[in-house]
Amino acid sequence: MSMTDPIADYLTRIRNAIKAKHTKVDIPFSKIKEEITKILLDYRYIQSYLKIEDDKQGIIRIYIKYDNDENSVIRSLQRVSKPGLKKYVNSSEIPRVLNNLGIAILSTSKGVITDREARQHGVGGEVLCYIW
């Protein structure tokens, strides 16, 4: 099976695990997925993650965070830039997600960073996804 959009697959696996009320989800490893996962951990959208080595590319195991009512802390994961239609913004056009209650994750010349960090650095880039 050829995968044309690994980031969309990553977001869908997390979304499906949340709907099924799983505590963890395994995702094939890549550096960009690990960077997005680090941002999710920094903003406390997930409990933790592990990088598991195997004979192939490796696995990222993400432990999903739930509140006291067993609702996921992540309410929505939305892919913005797609392989067929990339969405690029400059530093003055960086979107605000839910009036800064959520985060936008961008791929920039400074690496994979959030919308807030991109505004601080004054850089634009490709908008990967919105999370709230």
N, C-alpha and C. Protein backbone atom coordinates (compact mmCIF):
# COMPACT_ATOMS: atom_id res chain seq x y z
N MET A 1 0.84 -1.18 0.00
CA MET A 1 0.00 0.00 0.00
C MET A 1 0.89 1.24 0.00
N SER A 2 0.66 2.12 -0.93
CA SER A 2 1.43 3.36 -0.93
C SER A 2 0.68 4.41 -0.12
N MET A 3 1.42 5.14 0.68
CA MET A 3 0.81 6.16 1.52
C MET A 3 1.20 7.52 0.95
N THR A 4 0.20 8.25 0.48
CA THR A 4 0.50 9.54 -0.14
C THR A 4 0.58 10.66 0.89
N ASP A 5 -0.08 10.49 2.05
CA ASP A 5 -0.08 11.55 3.06
C ASP A 5 0.12 10.97 4.45
N PRO A 6 1.38 10.78 4.87
CA PRO A 6 1.64 10.17 6.17
C PRO A 6 1.15 11.00 7.36
N ILE A 7 1.09 12.33 7.22
CA ILE A 7 0.62 13.16 8.34
C ILE A 7 -0.89 12.99 8.51
N ALA A 8 -1.63 12.90 7.42
CA ALA A 8 -3.07 12.64 7.51
C ALA A 8 -3.32 11.28 8.15
N ASP A 9 -2.50 10.29 7.80
CA ASP A 9 -2.61 8.96 8.40
C ASP A 9 -2.34 9.03 9.90
N TYR A 10 -1.32 9.78 10.29
CA TYR A 10 -0.97 9.99 11.71
C TYR A 10 -2.16 10.58 12.47
N LEU A 11 -2.74 11.66 11.93
CA LEU A 11 -3.88 12.32 12.60
C LEU A 11 -5.10 11.40 12.66
N THR A 12 -5.33 10.64 11.59
CA THR A 12 -6.47 9.73 11.55
C THR A 12 -6.32 8.60 12.57
N ARG A 13 -5.11 8.08 12.72
CA ARG A 13 -4.89 7.02 13.72
C ARG A 13 -5.17 7.53 15.14
N ILE A 14 -4.74 8.76 15.43
CA ILE A 14 -5.02 9.34 16.75
C ILE A 14 -6.52 9.57 16.91
N ARG A 15 -7.15 10.13 15.89
CA ARG A 15 -8.60 10.40 15.92
C ARG A 15 -9.39 9.11 16.15
N ASN A 16 -9.02 8.03 15.44
CA ASN A 16 -9.71 6.75 15.60
C ASN A 16 -9.50 6.15 16.98
N ALA A 17 -8.29 6.28 17.53
CA ALA A 17 -8.00 5.77 18.87
C ALA A 17 -8.83 6.52 19.92
N ILE A 18 -9.00 7.83 19.72
CA ILE A 18 -9.80 8.63 20.65
C ILE A 18 -11.26 8.19 20.59
N LYS A 19 -11.79 8.00 19.38
CA LYS A 19 -13.18 7.58 19.23
C LYS A 19 -13.43 6.21 19.86
N ALA A 20 -12.42 5.33 19.78
CA ALA A 20 -12.54 3.98 20.35
C ALA A 20 -12.16 3.94 21.83
N LYS A 21 -11.81 5.11 22.40
CA LYS A 21 -11.43 5.24 23.82
C LYS A 21 -10.20 4.41 24.17
N HIS A 22 -9.27 4.26 23.23
CA HIS A 22 -8.02 3.55 23.51
C HIS A 22 -7.11 4.44 24.35
N THR A 23 -6.26 3.81 25.16
CA THR A 23 -5.31 4.58 25.97
C THR A 23 -4.02 4.86 25.20
N LYS A 24 -3.74 4.05 24.16
CA LYS A 24 -2.52 4.25 23.39
C LYS A 24 -2.77 3.92 21.92
N VAL A 25 -1.89 4.46 21.08
CA VAL A 25 -1.97 4.18 19.65
C VAL A 25 -0.55 4.07 19.10
N ASP A 26 -0.32 3.11 18.21
CA ASP A 26 0.99 2.91 17.57
C ASP A 26 0.95 3.47 16.15
N ILE A 27 1.98 4.25 15.82
CA ILE A 27 2.05 4.92 14.53
C ILE A 27 3.44 4.68 13.95
N PRO A 28 3.55 4.39 12.64
CA PRO A 28 4.88 4.23 12.04
C PRO A 28 5.72 5.49 12.23
N PHE A 29 7.00 5.31 12.53
CA PHE A 29 7.88 6.42 12.87
C PHE A 29 8.32 7.22 11.66
N SER A 30 8.39 8.54 11.83
CA SER A 30 9.12 9.43 10.94
C SER A 30 9.50 10.64 11.77
N LYS A 31 10.50 11.38 11.32
CA LYS A 31 10.98 12.52 12.10
C LYS A 31 9.92 13.60 12.25
N ILE A 32 9.16 13.87 11.18
CA ILE A 32 8.15 14.93 11.26
C ILE A 32 7.02 14.52 12.21
N LYS A 33 6.66 13.24 12.22
CA LYS A 33 5.63 12.76 13.16
C LYS A 33 6.13 12.87 14.59
N GLU A 34 7.41 12.59 14.81
CA GLU A 34 7.98 12.73 16.15
C GLU A 34 7.96 14.19 16.60
N GLU A 35 8.27 15.12 15.68
CA GLU A 35 8.24 16.54 16.02
C GLU A 35 6.83 17.00 16.38
N ILE A 36 5.82 16.54 15.62
CA ILE A 36 4.43 16.88 15.93
C ILE A 36 4.05 16.30 17.29
N THR A 37 4.48 15.07 17.55
CA THR A 37 4.19 14.42 18.83
C THR A 37 4.81 15.18 19.99
N LYS A 38 6.04 15.69 19.82
CA LYS A 38 6.69 16.49 20.87
C LYS A 38 5.87 17.74 21.17
N ILE A 39 5.33 18.38 20.12
CA ILE A 39 4.49 19.57 20.32
C ILE A 39 3.22 19.19 21.09
N LEU A 40 2.60 18.06 20.73
CA LEU A 40 1.40 17.61 21.45
C LEU A 40 1.72 17.37 22.93
N LEU A 41 2.89 16.83 23.21
CA LEU A 41 3.30 16.60 24.60
C LEU A 41 3.57 17.92 25.32
N ASP A 42 4.27 18.85 24.66
CA ASP A 42 4.57 20.15 25.27
C ASP A 42 3.30 20.91 25.62
N TYR A 43 2.28 20.80 24.79
CA TYR A 43 1.01 21.51 25.03
C TYR A 43 0.01 20.66 25.81
N ARG A 44 0.46 19.52 26.33
CA ARG A 44 -0.31 18.63 27.19
C ARG A 44 -1.57 18.07 26.54
N TYR A 45 -1.50 17.83 25.23
CA TYR A 45 -2.61 17.17 24.54
C TYR A 45 -2.52 15.66 24.68
N ILE A 46 -1.32 15.14 24.99
CA ILE A 46 -1.12 13.71 25.22
C ILE A 46 -0.37 13.52 26.53
N GLN A 47 -0.46 12.29 27.10
CA GLN A 47 0.24 12.00 28.36
C GLN A 47 1.73 11.84 28.13
N SER A 48 2.08 10.98 27.18
CA SER A 48 3.49 10.71 26.89
C SER A 48 3.59 9.96 25.57
N TYR A 49 4.82 9.70 25.15
CA TYR A 49 5.03 8.87 23.96
C TYR A 49 6.35 8.13 24.09
N LEU A 50 6.46 7.04 23.35
CA LEU A 50 7.68 6.24 23.30
C LEU A 50 8.08 6.04 21.85
N LYS A 51 9.37 6.01 21.61
CA LYS A 51 9.87 5.62 20.30
C LYS A 51 10.35 4.18 20.43
N ILE A 52 9.73 3.29 19.68
CA ILE A 52 10.04 1.86 19.76
C ILE A 52 10.79 1.46 18.50
N GLU A 53 11.97 0.90 18.68
CA GLU A 53 12.76 0.43 17.55
C GLU A 53 12.28 -0.96 17.14
N ASP A 54 12.17 -1.19 15.84
CA ASP A 54 11.92 -2.53 15.31
C ASP A 54 12.82 -2.74 14.10
N ASP A 55 12.61 -3.82 13.38
CA ASP A 55 13.48 -4.12 12.24
C ASP A 55 13.18 -3.23 11.04
N LYS A 56 12.09 -2.49 11.10
CA LYS A 56 11.70 -1.65 9.96
C LYS A 56 12.00 -0.20 10.28
N GLN A 57 11.00 0.67 10.21
CA GLN A 57 11.23 2.09 10.41
C GLN A 57 11.07 2.55 11.85
N GLY A 58 10.51 1.71 12.70
CA GLY A 58 10.26 2.09 14.08
C GLY A 58 8.80 2.48 14.29
N ILE A 59 8.44 2.66 15.55
CA ILE A 59 7.05 2.97 15.92
C ILE A 59 7.05 4.08 16.96
N ILE A 60 6.08 4.98 16.86
CA ILE A 60 5.83 5.95 17.92
C ILE A 60 4.57 5.47 18.63
N ARG A 61 4.69 5.21 19.92
CA ARG A 61 3.52 4.83 20.73
C ARG A 61 3.09 6.05 21.53
N ILE A 62 1.89 6.52 21.24
CA ILE A 62 1.35 7.72 21.89
C ILE A 62 0.31 7.30 22.93
N TYR A 63 0.47 7.81 24.16
CA TYR A 63 -0.49 7.57 25.23
C TYR A 63 -1.44 8.76 25.29
N ILE A 64 -2.70 8.51 25.00
CA ILE A 64 -3.70 9.57 24.88
C ILE A 64 -4.15 10.03 26.27
N LYS A 65 -4.35 11.33 26.39
CA LYS A 65 -4.74 11.93 27.67
C LYS A 65 -6.25 12.14 27.69
N TYR A 66 -6.88 11.70 28.80
CA TYR A 66 -8.31 11.87 29.00
C TYR A 66 -8.55 12.68 30.26
N ASP A 67 -9.67 13.41 30.28
CA ASP A 67 -10.01 14.17 31.49
C ASP A 67 -10.79 13.26 32.46
N ASN A 68 -11.30 13.83 33.55
CA ASN A 68 -12.01 13.05 34.57
C ASN A 68 -13.30 12.41 34.07
N ASP A 69 -13.91 13.00 33.05
CA ASP A 69 -15.14 12.46 32.48
C ASP A 69 -14.87 11.50 31.32
N GLU A 70 -13.64 11.08 31.19
CA GLU A 70 -13.19 10.16 30.14
C GLU A 70 -13.38 10.72 28.73
N ASN A 71 -13.29 12.04 28.61
CA ASN A 71 -13.28 12.70 27.30
C ASN A 71 -11.82 13.02 26.97
N SER A 72 -11.47 12.87 25.71
CA SER A 72 -10.11 13.17 25.30
C SER A 72 -9.82 14.66 25.44
N VAL A 73 -8.60 14.98 25.80
CA VAL A 73 -8.18 16.38 25.86
C VAL A 73 -8.16 16.96 24.45
N ILE A 74 -7.85 16.13 23.46
CA ILE A 74 -7.87 16.57 22.06
C ILE A 74 -9.32 16.51 21.58
N ARG A 75 -9.85 17.65 21.19
CA ARG A 75 -11.23 17.71 20.70
C ARG A 75 -11.28 17.52 19.18
N SER A 76 -10.27 18.03 18.49
CA SER A 76 -10.27 17.95 17.03
C SER A 76 -8.85 17.98 16.48
N LEU A 77 -8.62 17.19 15.45
CA LEU A 77 -7.37 17.18 14.69
C LEU A 77 -7.76 17.42 13.24
N GLN A 78 -7.28 18.49 12.65
CA GLN A 78 -7.68 18.83 11.29
C GLN A 78 -6.46 19.04 10.41
N ARG A 79 -6.36 18.28 9.33
CA ARG A 79 -5.26 18.42 8.37
C ARG A 79 -5.56 19.64 7.50
N VAL A 80 -4.58 20.51 7.32
CA VAL A 80 -4.78 21.72 6.53
C VAL A 80 -4.12 21.58 5.17
N SER A 81 -2.81 21.44 5.15
CA SER A 81 -2.06 21.33 3.90
C SER A 81 -2.08 19.87 3.45
N LYS A 82 -2.47 19.64 2.22
CA LYS A 82 -2.56 18.28 1.69
C LYS A 82 -1.56 18.13 0.54
N PRO A 83 -1.21 16.90 0.17
CA PRO A 83 -0.25 16.73 -0.93
C PRO A 83 -0.71 17.39 -2.23
N GLY A 84 -2.00 17.38 -2.51
CA GLY A 84 -2.51 17.98 -3.74
C GLY A 84 -2.68 19.48 -3.66
N LEU A 85 -2.74 20.02 -2.43
CA LEU A 85 -2.93 21.45 -2.25
C LEU A 85 -2.22 21.90 -0.98
N LYS A 86 -0.99 22.33 -1.14
CA LYS A 86 -0.20 22.80 0.00
C LYS A 86 -0.68 24.18 0.41
N LYS A 87 -0.70 24.45 1.72
CA LYS A 87 -1.13 25.76 2.22
C LYS A 87 0.07 26.41 2.89
N TYR A 88 0.60 27.45 2.25
CA TYR A 88 1.73 28.19 2.79
C TYR A 88 1.27 29.55 3.26
N VAL A 89 1.84 30.04 4.36
CA VAL A 89 1.52 31.37 4.87
C VAL A 89 2.83 32.10 5.20
N ASN A 90 2.80 33.43 5.09
CA ASN A 90 3.96 34.18 5.57
C ASN A 90 3.70 34.57 7.02
N SER A 91 4.66 35.20 7.65
CA SER A 91 4.58 35.45 9.10
C SER A 91 3.39 36.33 9.49
N SER A 92 2.91 37.18 8.59
CA SER A 92 1.78 38.04 8.93
C SER A 92 0.43 37.35 8.72
N GLU A 93 0.42 36.19 8.07
CA GLU A 93 -0.83 35.49 7.78
C GLU A 93 -1.03 34.22 8.62
N ILE A 94 -0.21 34.01 9.63
CA ILE A 94 -0.30 32.78 10.43
C ILE A 94 -1.66 32.73 11.11
N PRO A 95 -2.41 31.64 10.92
CA PRO A 95 -3.77 31.57 11.46
C PRO A 95 -3.79 31.40 12.98
N ARG A 96 -4.86 31.89 13.60
CA ARG A 96 -5.11 31.65 15.02
C ARG A 96 -6.23 30.62 15.11
N VAL A 97 -6.02 29.57 15.88
CA VAL A 97 -6.99 28.49 15.99
C VAL A 97 -7.85 28.74 17.22
N LEU A 98 -9.15 28.85 17.02
CA LEU A 98 -10.11 29.13 18.09
C LEU A 98 -9.66 30.28 18.98
N ASN A 99 -9.24 31.37 18.36
CA ASN A 99 -8.80 32.56 19.08
C ASN A 99 -7.70 32.22 20.11
N ASN A 100 -6.73 31.44 19.67
CA ASN A 100 -5.57 30.99 20.46
C ASN A 100 -5.90 29.94 21.53
N LEU A 101 -7.07 29.30 21.48
CA LEU A 101 -7.35 28.19 22.38
C LEU A 101 -6.77 26.89 21.83
N GLY A 102 -6.60 26.82 20.52
CA GLY A 102 -5.97 25.67 19.89
C GLY A 102 -4.63 26.07 19.32
N ILE A 103 -3.99 25.12 18.63
CA ILE A 103 -2.70 25.42 18.02
C ILE A 103 -2.70 25.02 16.55
N ALA A 104 -1.94 25.76 15.77
CA ALA A 104 -1.64 25.38 14.39
C ALA A 104 -0.20 24.91 14.39
N ILE A 105 0.08 23.83 13.70
CA ILE A 105 1.45 23.32 13.59
C ILE A 105 1.94 23.60 12.18
N LEU A 106 3.11 24.24 12.10
CA LEU A 106 3.68 24.64 10.82
C LEU A 106 5.04 24.00 10.61
N SER A 107 5.35 23.74 9.36
CA SER A 107 6.69 23.31 8.98
C SER A 107 7.39 24.53 8.41
N THR A 108 8.44 25.00 9.09
CA THR A 108 9.11 26.23 8.71
C THR A 108 10.60 25.98 8.53
N SER A 109 11.32 27.04 8.21
CA SER A 109 12.77 26.95 8.10
C SER A 109 13.41 26.74 9.48
N LYS A 110 12.67 27.04 10.55
CA LYS A 110 13.15 26.82 11.92
C LYS A 110 12.75 25.43 12.44
N GLY A 111 12.14 24.61 11.59
CA GLY A 111 11.69 23.29 11.99
C GLY A 111 10.17 23.25 12.12
N VAL A 112 9.67 22.16 12.72
CA VAL A 112 8.23 22.02 12.94
C VAL A 112 7.90 22.73 14.25
N ILE A 113 7.10 23.80 14.15
CA ILE A 113 6.80 24.63 15.32
C ILE A 113 5.32 25.02 15.33
N THR A 114 4.88 25.59 16.45
CA THR A 114 3.50 26.04 16.57
C THR A 114 3.33 27.44 15.99
N ASP A 115 2.07 27.84 15.86
CA ASP A 115 1.78 29.18 15.33
C ASP A 115 2.36 30.27 16.22
N ARG A 116 2.34 30.09 17.52
CA ARG A 116 2.88 31.10 18.45
C ARG A 116 4.38 31.27 18.26
N GLU A 117 5.09 30.14 18.18
CA GLU A 117 6.54 30.19 17.99
C GLU A 117 6.89 30.83 16.64
N ALA A 118 6.10 30.53 15.60
CA ALA A 118 6.35 31.09 14.27
C ALA A 118 6.18 32.62 14.31
N ARG A 119 5.17 33.10 15.05
CA ARG A 119 4.99 34.55 15.18
C ARG A 119 6.16 35.18 15.92
N GLN A 120 6.65 34.52 16.98
CA GLN A 120 7.80 35.03 17.74
C GLN A 120 9.05 35.12 16.87
N HIS A 121 9.29 34.08 16.05
CA HIS A 121 10.47 34.05 15.19
C HIS A 121 10.28 34.88 13.92
N GLY A 122 9.03 35.25 13.63
CA GLY A 122 8.75 36.02 12.42
C GLY A 122 8.94 35.23 11.14
N VAL A 123 8.57 33.93 11.19
CA VAL A 123 8.70 33.08 10.01
C VAL A 123 7.34 32.51 9.61
N GLY A 124 7.20 32.23 8.34
CA GLY A 124 6.01 31.55 7.83
C GLY A 124 6.41 30.15 7.39
N GLY A 125 5.47 29.46 6.78
CA GLY A 125 5.77 28.12 6.30
C GLY A 125 4.52 27.39 5.89
N GLU A 126 4.63 26.08 5.84
CA GLU A 126 3.49 25.24 5.45
C GLU A 126 2.66 24.92 6.69
N VAL A 127 1.36 25.18 6.63
CA VAL A 127 0.46 24.88 7.74
C VAL A 127 0.11 23.40 7.65
N LEU A 128 0.58 22.59 8.61
CA LEU A 128 0.34 21.16 8.58
C LEU A 128 -1.03 20.79 9.10
N CYS A 129 -1.38 21.28 10.32
CA CYS A 129 -2.65 20.89 10.92
C CYS A 129 -3.07 21.85 12.01
N TYR A 130 -4.35 21.76 12.38
CA TYR A 130 -4.91 22.49 13.52
C TYR A 130 -5.28 21.46 14.59
N ILE A 131 -5.03 21.82 15.86
CA ILE A 131 -5.39 20.94 16.97
C ILE A 131 -6.05 21.77 18.05
N TRP A 132 -7.18 21.29 18.54
CA TRP A 132 -7.83 21.92 19.69
C TRP A 132 -8.61 20.90 20.45
